[in-house]
Amino acid sequence: MYTSDLTEAQKAFIKRTIPMDNWTSKYDFFLIFDAVLYVNKTGCQWRNLPHDYPVWQTVYYYYSVSSI
């Protein structure tokens, strides 16, 4: 979709490395992760995330919680 998105090989590596059995969200883990990578790569504002991703508040929430 976007140049910042993870490849299938990268996703497979993350799935093998990080246990994600407890992921409870209405959104896919990698969709959130790709959105954070998009903001990081492009430098766009959170509110300007493309509509292909979840709403910016959801993405920012997971970003801020994981940054602690």
Protein backbone atom coordinates (compact mmCIF):
# COMPACT_ATOMS: atom_id res chain seq x y z
CA MET A 1 0.00 0.00 0.00
CA TYR A 2 2.60 2.59 1.12
CA THR A 3 6.39 2.47 0.98
CA SER A 4 6.51 2.58 4.77
CA ASP A 5 4.40 -0.59 5.15
CA LEU A 6 6.06 -3.77 6.37
CA THR A 7 6.68 -6.58 3.93
CA GLU A 8 5.22 -10.04 4.52
CA ALA A 9 8.71 -11.31 5.46
CA GLN A 10 9.07 -8.58 8.07
CA LYS A 11 5.63 -9.37 9.48
CA ALA A 12 6.50 -13.07 9.69
CA PHE A 13 9.72 -12.23 11.56
CA ILE A 14 7.82 -10.04 14.05
CA LYS A 15 5.20 -12.76 14.58
CA ARG A 16 7.97 -15.26 15.39
CA THR A 17 9.82 -12.83 17.65
CA ILE A 18 7.10 -11.01 19.59
CA PRO A 19 4.29 -12.94 21.29
CA MET A 20 1.03 -11.32 20.20
CA ASP A 21 -1.44 -13.74 21.74
CA ASN A 22 -2.80 -11.01 24.02
CA TRP A 23 -3.49 -8.48 21.26
CA THR A 24 -7.08 -7.39 21.77
CA SER A 25 -8.17 -4.67 19.47
CA LYS A 26 -10.71 -4.19 16.75
CA TYR A 27 -7.78 -3.36 14.44
CA ASP A 28 -5.02 -5.60 13.20
CA PHE A 29 -1.67 -5.12 14.96
CA PHE A 30 0.16 -4.58 11.69
CA LEU A 31 -2.33 -1.97 10.47
CA ILE A 32 -1.58 0.10 13.58
CA PHE A 33 2.15 -0.56 13.23
CA ASP A 34 2.13 0.46 9.55
CA ALA A 35 0.31 3.68 10.45
CA VAL A 36 2.97 4.57 13.03
CA LEU A 37 5.69 3.80 10.48
CA TYR A 38 3.89 6.03 7.96
CA VAL A 39 3.91 8.99 10.37
CA ASN A 40 7.57 8.34 11.17
CA LYS A 41 8.64 8.12 7.52
CA THR A 42 6.58 10.98 6.10
CA GLY A 43 6.61 13.31 9.08
CA CYS A 44 2.92 14.04 8.59
CA GLN A 45 0.73 15.18 11.44
CA TRP A 46 -1.32 12.55 13.22
CA ARG A 47 -4.53 14.14 12.00
CA ASN A 48 -3.35 13.79 8.40
CA LEU A 49 -3.06 10.00 8.40
CA PRO A 50 -4.57 8.55 5.22
CA HIS A 51 -8.03 7.06 5.59
CA ASP A 52 -6.64 3.59 4.80
CA TYR A 53 -5.51 3.47 8.43
CA PRO A 54 -7.61 3.56 11.60
CA VAL A 55 -8.52 7.00 12.92
CA TRP A 56 -5.52 8.95 14.09
CA GLN A 57 -6.63 8.93 17.75
CA THR A 58 -6.49 5.12 17.83
CA VAL A 59 -3.07 4.97 16.19
CA TYR A 60 -1.72 7.69 18.48
CA TYR A 61 -3.10 5.87 21.54
CA TYR A 62 -1.16 2.69 20.73
CA TYR A 63 1.92 4.74 19.88
CA SER A 64 1.81 6.67 23.16
CA VAL A 65 1.10 3.59 25.30
CA SER A 66 4.00 1.67 23.75
CA SER A 67 6.38 4.62 24.22
CA ILE A 68 6.28 4.44 28.01
